[in-house]
C-alpha atoms as a PDB file:
ATOM      1  CA  MET A   1       0.000   0.000   0.000  1.00  0.00           C
ATOM      2  CA  ASN A   2       1.417   3.402  -1.009  1.00  0.00           C
ATOM      3  CA  ALA A   3       1.973   5.971   1.702  1.00  0.00           C
ATOM      4  CA  GLU A   4      -0.077   9.139   1.555  1.00  0.00           C
ATOM      5  CA  PRO A   5       1.923  12.107   0.207  1.00  0.00           C
ATOM      6  CA  SER A   6       3.161  14.526   2.837  1.00  0.00           C
ATOM      7  CA  LEU A   7       1.645  17.983   3.237  1.00  0.00           C
ATOM      8  CA  ARG A   8       4.835  19.513   1.837  1.00  0.00           C
ATOM      9  CA  GLU A   9       4.636  17.321  -1.281  1.00  0.00           C
ATOM     10  CA  THR A  10       1.036  18.367  -2.008  1.00  0.00           C
ATOM     11  CA  LYS A  11       1.567  22.096  -1.477  1.00  0.00           C
ATOM     12  CA  PRO A  12       2.691  24.215  -4.442  1.00  0.00           C
ATOM     13  CA  ALA A  13       6.448  24.749  -4.618  1.00  0.00           C
ATOM     14  CA  ILE A  14       5.776  28.394  -5.479  1.00  0.00           C
ATOM     15  CA  LEU A  15       2.725  30.359  -4.396  1.00  0.00           C
ATOM     16  CA  LEU A  16       2.043  33.988  -5.302  1.00  0.00           C
ATOM     17  CA  THR A  17      -0.991  35.729  -3.851  1.00  0.00           C
ATOM     18  CA  ASP A  18      -2.255  39.030  -5.294  1.00  0.00           C
ATOM     19  CA  VAL A  19       1.279  40.121  -6.190  1.00  0.00           C
ATOM     20  CA  ARG A  20       1.764  43.640  -7.466  1.00  0.00           C
ATOM     21  CA  VAL A  21       5.096  45.005  -8.637  1.00  0.00           C
ATOM     22  CA  ASN A  22       5.776  48.574  -9.771  1.00  0.00           C
ATOM     23  CA  LEU A  23       8.935  49.584 -11.601  1.00  0.00           C
ATOM     24  CA  GLY A  24      10.338  53.063 -12.088  1.00  0.00           C
ATOM     25  CA  THR A  25       9.729  56.222 -10.100  1.00  0.00           C
ATOM     26  CA  GLY A  26       7.562  59.303 -10.369  1.00  0.00           C
ATOM     27  CA  ALA A  27       5.986  59.863 -13.761  1.00  0.00           C
ATOM     28  CA  THR A  28       7.766  56.789 -15.178  1.00  0.00           C
ATOM     29  CA  ARG A  29       6.397  54.444 -12.514  1.00  0.00           C
ATOM     30  CA  VAL A  30       4.580  51.506 -14.125  1.00  0.00           C
ATOM     31  CA  GLU A  31       2.603  48.671 -12.580  1.00  0.00           C
ATOM     32  CA  VAL A  32       4.200  45.599 -14.203  1.00  0.00           C
ATOM     33  CA  LEU A  33       2.503  42.818 -12.239  1.00  0.00           C
ATOM     34  CA  LYS A  34      -1.163  43.479 -11.498  1.00  0.00           C
ATOM     35  CA  GLY A  35      -2.501  41.204  -8.799  1.00  0.00           C
ATOM     36  CA  VAL A  36      -0.927  37.901  -9.879  1.00  0.00           C
ATOM     37  CA  THR A  37      -2.190  34.874  -7.952  1.00  0.00           C
ATOM     38  CA  LEU A  38      -0.489  31.673  -8.974  1.00  0.00           C
ATOM     39  CA  GLY A  39       0.510  28.262  -7.612  1.00  0.00           C
ATOM     40  CA  LEU A  40       3.209  26.232  -9.381  1.00  0.00           C
ATOM     41  CA  PRO A  41       3.423  22.476  -8.755  1.00  0.00           C
ATOM     42  CA  ARG A  42       6.378  20.896  -6.993  1.00  0.00           C
ATOM     43  CA  GLY A  43       8.774  18.849  -9.089  1.00  0.00           C
ATOM     44  CA  ARG A  44       7.238  19.906 -12.422  1.00  0.00           C
ATOM     45  CA  ALA A  45       8.398  22.053 -15.324  1.00  0.00           C
ATOM     46  CA  THR A  46       6.351  25.214 -15.906  1.00  0.00           C
ATOM     47  CA  ALA A  47       6.707  27.598 -18.844  1.00  0.00           C
ATOM     48  CA  ILE A  48       5.801  31.254 -18.407  1.00  0.00           C
ATOM     49  CA  VAL A  49       4.644  32.551 -21.788  1.00  0.00           C
ATOM     50  CA  GLY A  50       3.061  35.658 -23.246  1.00  0.00           C
ATOM     51  CA  PRO A  51       3.817  38.663 -25.470  1.00  0.00           C
ATOM     52  CA  SER A  52       6.843  40.904 -24.978  1.00  0.00           C
ATOM     53  CA  GLY A  53       6.387  43.371 -22.136  1.00  0.00           C
ATOM     54  CA  CYS A  54       3.670  41.399 -20.352  1.00  0.00           C
ATOM     55  CA  GLY A  55       5.773  40.930 -17.178  1.00  0.00           C
ATOM     56  CA  LYS A  56       7.235  37.432 -17.679  1.00  0.00           C
ATOM     57  CA  SER A  57      10.785  38.255 -16.604  1.00  0.00           C
ATOM     58  CA  THR A  58       9.566  40.443 -13.736  1.00  0.00           C
ATOM     59  CA  LEU A  59       7.460  37.526 -12.508  1.00  0.00           C
ATOM     60  CA  LEU A  60      10.485  35.216 -12.617  1.00  0.00           C
ATOM     61  CA  MET A  61      12.687  37.721 -10.791  1.00  0.00           C
ATOM     62  CA  THR A  62       9.951  38.141  -8.169  1.00  0.00           C
ATOM     63  CA  ILE A  63       9.968  34.377  -7.591  1.00  0.00           C
ATOM     64  CA  ALA A  64      13.757  34.589  -7.249  1.00  0.00           C
ATOM     65  CA  GLY A  65      13.485  37.393  -4.712  1.00  0.00           C
ATOM     66  CA  LEU A  66      15.506  39.677  -6.991  1.00  0.00           C
ATOM     67  CA  GLU A  67      12.483  41.933  -7.493  1.00  0.00           C
ATOM     68  CA  ARG A  68      10.576  42.944  -4.370  1.00  0.00           C
ATOM     69  CA  VAL A  69       6.795  43.120  -4.348  1.00  0.00           C
ATOM     70  CA  ASP A  70       4.848  46.289  -3.599  1.00  0.00           C
ATOM     71  CA  SER A  71       1.997  44.216  -2.194  1.00  0.00           C
ATOM     72  CA  GLY A  72       0.905  40.607  -1.984  1.00  0.00           C
ATOM     73  CA  SER A  73       2.910  37.576  -0.872  1.00  0.00           C
ATOM     74  CA  VAL A  74       5.494  35.264  -2.426  1.00  0.00           C
ATOM     75  CA  ALA A  75       6.120  31.833  -0.880  1.00  0.00           C
ATOM     76  CA  VAL A  76       8.864  29.586  -2.251  1.00  0.00           C
ATOM     77  CA  ASP A  77       9.214  26.088  -0.817  1.00  0.00           C
ATOM     78  CA  GLY A  78       7.079  27.228   2.116  1.00  0.00           C
ATOM     79  CA  ALA A  79       9.155  30.322   2.955  1.00  0.00           C
ATOM     80  CA  ARG A  80       7.727  33.861   2.637  1.00  0.00           C
ATOM     81  CA  LEU A  81      10.178  35.863   0.531  1.00  0.00           C
ATOM     82  CA  ASP A  82       8.246  39.116   0.887  1.00  0.00           C
ATOM     83  CA  THR A  83       8.817  39.183   4.661  1.00  0.00           C
ATOM     84  CA  MET A  84      12.574  38.529   4.518  1.00  0.00           C
ATOM     85  CA  GLY A  85      15.318  41.116   4.860  1.00  0.00           C
ATOM     86  CA  GLU A  86      17.974  41.334   2.157  1.00  0.00           C
ATOM     87  CA  ASP A  87      20.561  39.202   3.985  1.00  0.00           C
ATOM     88  CA  GLU A  88      18.047  36.493   4.870  1.00  0.00           C
ATOM     89  CA  LEU A  89      16.750  36.543   1.318  1.00  0.00           C
ATOM     90  CA  ALA A  90      20.243  36.185  -0.168  1.00  0.00           C
ATOM     91  CA  THR A  91      20.959  33.232   2.109  1.00  0.00           C
ATOM     92  CA  PHE A  92      17.669  31.550   1.225  1.00  0.00           C
ATOM     93  CA  ARG A  93      18.238  32.089  -2.485  1.00  0.00           C
ATOM     94  CA  GLY A  94      21.754  30.666  -2.280  1.00  0.00           C
ATOM     95  CA  ARG A  95      20.470  27.487  -0.643  1.00  0.00           C
ATOM     96  CA  ASN A  96      17.245  26.929  -2.553  1.00  0.00           C
ATOM     97  CA  ILE A  97      17.172  28.677  -5.934  1.00  0.00           C
ATOM     98  CA  GLY A  98      19.317  28.328  -9.047  1.00  0.00           C
ATOM     99  CA  ILE A  99      18.980  30.893 -11.844  1.00  0.00           C
ATOM    100  CA  VAL A 100      19.960  30.773 -15.519  1.00  0.00           C
ATOM    101  CA  PHE A 101      19.899  34.059 -17.444  1.00  0.00           C
ATOM    102  CA  GLN A 102      19.674  34.707 -21.171  1.00  0.00           C
ATOM    103  CA  SER A 103      23.016  36.545 -21.195  1.00  0.00           C
ATOM    104  CA  PHE A 104      24.941  33.906 -19.182  1.00  0.00           C
ATOM    105  CA  HIS A 105      26.238  36.427 -16.567  1.00  0.00           C
ATOM    106  CA  LEU A 106      29.582  34.669 -16.161  1.00  0.00           C
ATOM    107  CA  MET A 107      32.507  36.447 -14.517  1.00  0.00           C
ATOM    108  CA  PRO A 108      34.920  37.134 -17.409  1.00  0.00           C
ATOM    109  CA  ALA A 109      38.076  37.050 -15.273  1.00  0.00           C
ATOM    110  CA  MET A 110      37.225  33.625 -13.831  1.00  0.00           C
ATOM    111  CA  THR A 111      37.573  30.200 -15.424  1.00  0.00           C
ATOM    112  CA  ALA A 112      34.566  27.976 -16.006  1.00  0.00           C
ATOM    113  CA  LEU A 113      35.489  26.040 -12.866  1.00  0.00           C
ATOM    114  CA  GLU A 114      35.768  29.195 -10.770  1.00  0.00           C
ATOM    115  CA  ASN A 115      32.447  30.511 -12.096  1.00  0.00           C
ATOM    116  CA  VAL A 116      30.630  27.312 -11.156  1.00  0.00           C
ATOM    117  CA  ALA A 117      32.256  27.212  -7.717  1.00  0.00           C
ATOM    118  CA  ILE A 118      31.086  30.752  -6.793  1.00  0.00           C
ATOM    119  CA  PRO A 119      27.798  29.843  -5.036  1.00  0.00           C
ATOM    120  CA  LEU A 120      29.462  27.022  -3.097  1.00  0.00           C
ATOM    121  CA  GLU A 121      32.328  29.264  -2.009  1.00  0.00           C
ATOM    122  CA  LEU A 122      29.849  31.901  -0.850  1.00  0.00           C
ATOM    123  CA  ALA A 123      28.112  29.187   1.175  1.00  0.00           C
ATOM    124  CA  GLY A 124      31.422  28.131   2.730  1.00  0.00           C
ATOM    125  CA  ALA A 125      31.490  24.646   1.185  1.00  0.00           C
ATOM    126  CA  PRO A 126      34.953  23.087   1.693  1.00  0.00           C
ATOM    127  CA  ASP A 127      34.634  20.939  -1.445  1.00  0.00           C
ATOM    128  CA  ALA A 128      33.465  23.744  -3.748  1.00  0.00           C
ATOM    129  CA  PHE A 129      35.921  23.060  -6.558  1.00  0.00           C
ATOM    130  CA  ASP A 130      35.483  19.290  -6.519  1.00  0.00           C
ATOM    131  CA  ARG A 131      31.714  19.682  -6.786  1.00  0.00           C
ATOM    132  CA  ALA A 132      32.075  22.344  -9.475  1.00  0.00           C
ATOM    133  CA  ALA A 133      34.331  20.041 -11.497  1.00  0.00           C
ATOM    134  CA  ALA A 134      31.795  17.211 -11.211  1.00  0.00           C
ATOM    135  CA  GLU A 135      28.966  19.508 -12.345  1.00  0.00           C
ATOM    136  CA  LEU A 136      30.965  20.679 -15.366  1.00  0.00           C
ATOM    137  CA  ALA A 137      31.696  17.063 -16.251  1.00  0.00           C
ATOM    138  CA  ALA A 138      27.942  16.353 -16.135  1.00  0.00           C
ATOM    139  CA  MET A 139      27.513  19.164 -18.668  1.00  0.00           C
ATOM    140  CA  GLY A 140      30.151  17.647 -20.966  1.00  0.00           C
ATOM    141  CA  LEU A 141      32.665  20.376 -20.147  1.00  0.00           C
ATOM    142  CA  ALA A 142      35.325  18.508 -18.174  1.00  0.00           C
ATOM    143  CA  GLU A 143      37.985  19.462 -20.727  1.00  0.00           C
ATOM    144  CA  ARG A 144      36.933  23.124 -20.729  1.00  0.00           C
ATOM    145  CA  ARG A 145      36.938  23.793 -17.001  1.00  0.00           C
ATOM    146  CA  ASN A 146      40.093  25.928 -17.072  1.00  0.00           C
ATOM    147  CA  HIS A 147      38.917  28.057 -19.996  1.00  0.00           C
ATOM    148  CA  TYR A 148      37.656  31.611 -19.568  1.00  0.00           C
ATOM    149  CA  PRO A 149      34.225  32.681 -20.876  1.00  0.00           C
ATOM    150  CA  SER A 150      35.807  34.492 -23.850  1.00  0.00           C
ATOM    151  CA  GLN A 151      37.345  31.163 -24.895  1.00  0.00           C
ATOM    152  CA  LEU A 152      33.990  29.368 -24.884  1.00  0.00           C
ATOM    153  CA  SER A 153      31.169  29.292 -27.424  1.00  0.00           C
ATOM    154  CA  GLY A 154      27.742  30.644 -26.525  1.00  0.00           C
ATOM    155  CA  GLY A 155      26.422  27.138 -25.939  1.00  0.00           C
ATOM    156  CA  GLU A 156      29.373  26.279 -23.729  1.00  0.00           C
ATOM    157  CA  GLN A 157      28.906  29.469 -21.720  1.00  0.00           C
ATOM    158  CA  GLN A 158      25.244  28.629 -21.144  1.00  0.00           C
ATOM    159  CA  ARG A 159      26.206  25.126 -20.006  1.00  0.00           C
ATOM    160  CA  VAL A 160      28.620  26.700 -17.530  1.00  0.00           C
ATOM    161  CA  ALA A 161      25.799  28.962 -16.345  1.00  0.00           C
ATOM    162  CA  LEU A 162      23.517  25.934 -15.974  1.00  0.00           C
ATOM    163  CA  ALA A 163      26.203  24.084 -14.010  1.00  0.00           C
ATOM    164  CA  ARG A 164      26.552  27.101 -11.708  1.00  0.00           C
ATOM    165  CA  ALA A 165      22.778  27.185 -11.165  1.00  0.00           C
ATOM    166  CA  LEU A 166      22.644  23.464 -10.357  1.00  0.00           C
ATOM    167  CA  VAL A 167      25.839  22.965  -8.367  1.00  0.00           C
ATOM    168  CA  GLY A 168      24.128  23.625  -5.039  1.00  0.00           C
ATOM    169  CA  ASP A 169      21.361  21.130  -5.913  1.00  0.00           C
ATOM    170  CA  PRO A 170      18.581  23.741  -5.511  1.00  0.00           C
ATOM    171  CA  ALA A 171      14.953  22.728  -5.111  1.00  0.00           C
ATOM    172  CA  ILE A 172      13.934  25.504  -7.530  1.00  0.00           C
ATOM    173  CA  LEU A 173      15.530  26.177 -10.939  1.00  0.00           C
ATOM    174  CA  LEU A 174      14.556  29.388 -12.750  1.00  0.00           C
ATOM    175  CA  ALA A 175      15.515  30.158 -16.349  1.00  0.00           C
ATOM    176  CA  ASP A 176      14.892  33.457 -18.130  1.00  0.00           C
ATOM    177  CA  GLU A 177      14.856  32.946 -21.932  1.00  0.00           C
ATOM    178  CA  PRO A 178      17.762  30.457 -21.625  1.00  0.00           C
ATOM    179  CA  THR A 179      18.007  29.975 -25.402  1.00  0.00           C
ATOM    180  CA  GLY A 180      17.519  33.624 -26.375  1.00  0.00           C
ATOM    181  CA  ASN A 181      21.180  34.210 -27.334  1.00  0.00           C
ATOM    182  CA  LEU A 182      21.722  30.828 -29.001  1.00  0.00           C
ATOM    183  CA  ASP A 183      21.059  29.421 -32.441  1.00  0.00           C
ATOM    184  CA  GLU A 184      18.216  26.929 -32.784  1.00  0.00           C
ATOM    185  CA  ARG A 185      20.357  23.779 -32.692  1.00  0.00           C
ATOM    186  CA  THR A 186      22.460  24.897 -29.728  1.00  0.00           C
ATOM    187  CA  GLY A 187      19.384  26.124 -27.884  1.00  0.00           C
ATOM    188  CA  ALA A 188      17.652  22.774 -28.333  1.00  0.00           C
ATOM    189  CA  ALA A 189      20.696  20.988 -26.896  1.00  0.00           C
ATOM    190  CA  ILE A 190      20.690  23.282 -23.849  1.00  0.00           C
ATOM    191  CA  ILE A 191      16.994  22.624 -23.246  1.00  0.00           C
ATOM    192  CA  ASP A 192      17.506  18.868 -23.585  1.00  0.00           C
ATOM    193  CA  LEU A 193      20.206  19.118 -20.935  1.00  0.00           C
ATOM    194  CA  MET A 194      18.157  21.362 -18.642  1.00  0.00           C
ATOM    195  CA  LEU A 195      15.074  19.151 -18.786  1.00  0.00           C
ATOM    196  CA  ALA A 196      17.137  16.013 -18.253  1.00  0.00           C
ATOM    197  CA  GLN A 197      18.782  17.508 -15.162  1.00  0.00           C
ATOM    198  CA  HIS A 198      15.403  18.720 -13.888  1.00  0.00           C
ATOM    199  CA  ARG A 199      13.933  15.232 -14.174  1.00  0.00           C
ATOM    200  CA  ARG A 200      16.960  13.514 -12.667  1.00  0.00           C
ATOM    201  CA  ARG A 201      17.026  15.802  -9.639  1.00  0.00           C
ATOM    202  CA  GLY A 202      13.270  16.153  -9.148  1.00  0.00           C
ATOM    203  CA  SER A 203      13.582  19.927  -8.978  1.00  0.00           C
ATOM    204  CA  THR A 204      10.866  22.463  -9.741  1.00  0.00           C
ATOM    205  CA  LEU A 205      11.682  24.185 -13.033  1.00  0.00           C
ATOM    206  CA  VAL A 206      10.181  27.515 -14.078  1.00  0.00           C
ATOM    207  CA  LEU A 207      11.271  29.048 -17.351  1.00  0.00           C
ATOM    208  CA  VAL A 208      10.325  32.128 -19.294  1.00  0.00           C
ATOM    209  CA  THR A 209      10.204  31.584 -23.038  1.00  0.00           C
ATOM    210  CA  HIS A 210       8.686  32.946 -26.235  1.00  0.00           C
ATOM    211  CA  ASP A 211       9.403  29.622 -27.969  1.00  0.00           C
ATOM    212  CA  ARG A 212       6.131  27.705 -28.301  1.00  0.00           C
ATOM    213  CA  ALA A 213       7.902  24.406 -29.029  1.00  0.00           C
ATOM    214  CA  LEU A 214       9.940  24.756 -25.851  1.00  0.00           C
ATOM    215  CA  ALA A 215       6.871  25.697 -23.800  1.00  0.00           C
ATOM    216  CA  ALA A 216       5.078  22.614 -25.123  1.00  0.00           C
ATOM    217  CA  ARG A 217       7.820  20.401 -23.678  1.00  0.00           C
ATOM    218  CA  CYS A 218       6.990  21.571 -20.158  1.00  0.00           C
ATOM    219  CA  ASP A 219       4.380  19.929 -17.933  1.00  0.00           C
ATOM    220  CA  HIS A 220       2.430  23.135 -17.450  1.00  0.00           C
ATOM    221  CA  GLN A 221       2.115  26.583 -19.022  1.00  0.00           C
ATOM    222  CA  VAL A 222       1.092  29.904 -17.501  1.00  0.00           C
ATOM    223  CA  ARG A 223       0.232  32.723 -19.893  1.00  0.00           C
ATOM    224  CA  LEU A 224       0.608  36.355 -18.857  1.00  0.00           C
ATOM    225  CA  LYS A 225      -1.171  39.233 -20.524  1.00  0.00           C
ATOM    226  CA  SER A 226      -0.630  42.868 -19.526  1.00  0.00           C
ATOM    227  CA  GLY A 227       0.843  41.923 -16.146  1.00  0.00           C
ATOM    228  CA  ALA A 228      -1.839  39.441 -15.115  1.00  0.00           C
ATOM    229  CA  VAL A 229      -2.478  35.729 -15.544  1.00  0.00           C
ATOM    230  CA  ASP A 230      -4.526  35.217 -18.697  1.00  0.00           C
ATOM    231  CA  THR A 231      -7.285  32.922 -17.460  1.00  0.00           C
ATOM    232  CA  THR A 232      -8.870  32.821 -20.914  1.00  0.00           C
ATOM    233  CA  ALA A 233      -5.816  31.148 -22.505  1.00  0.00           C
ATOM    234  CA  ASP A 234      -5.903  27.505 -23.460  1.00  0.00           C
ATOM    235  CA  ALA A 235      -2.379  26.988 -22.066  1.00  0.00           C
END
């Protein structure tokens, strides 16, 4: 007889309640997220889709705690991000959230190995470089670990960025247009790798994309329209 799932397993990994986010100041202040209420399932892959300027990236950065809410609540893995101070938030993010950006965001003066080791070093892990080397090997980059970003192709740089996001084995993996700076073939390879790692680790994956084929490969889609969840969409 199968055991009943725990309360934690049945609760959403990410829960936003009436979230509003304004960007800019004074006359340029704009409400980007307009009362978003959303629950994302644990251990699944969710695509955030919608037209340019609808708030997709702002939503992802709000889930990451990199964009603070003006009102509403954000709970990630049961923890309220909107009530945390900056130091507490940074610590929580380092332990629980991995992020992959469109533009890689690698440190140019550091090797691939050093870039991947950064979050572990910040967390005080004594085996940071051994774990970073193992993560790069899992990405097929064992022979490139001592190369600098300028010596790597775009696809290789994104694999380094993915290794850095995963090296701490986060429960939540966020990706903002991860194939946006890559050609179609390279982008497809990165997504294959990302989805394979997501399934192997049982993490919760949330990615922003304008690519319908990529969105269709996810378990679930959420469509935004003008800063709100589009409840009329078929996604």
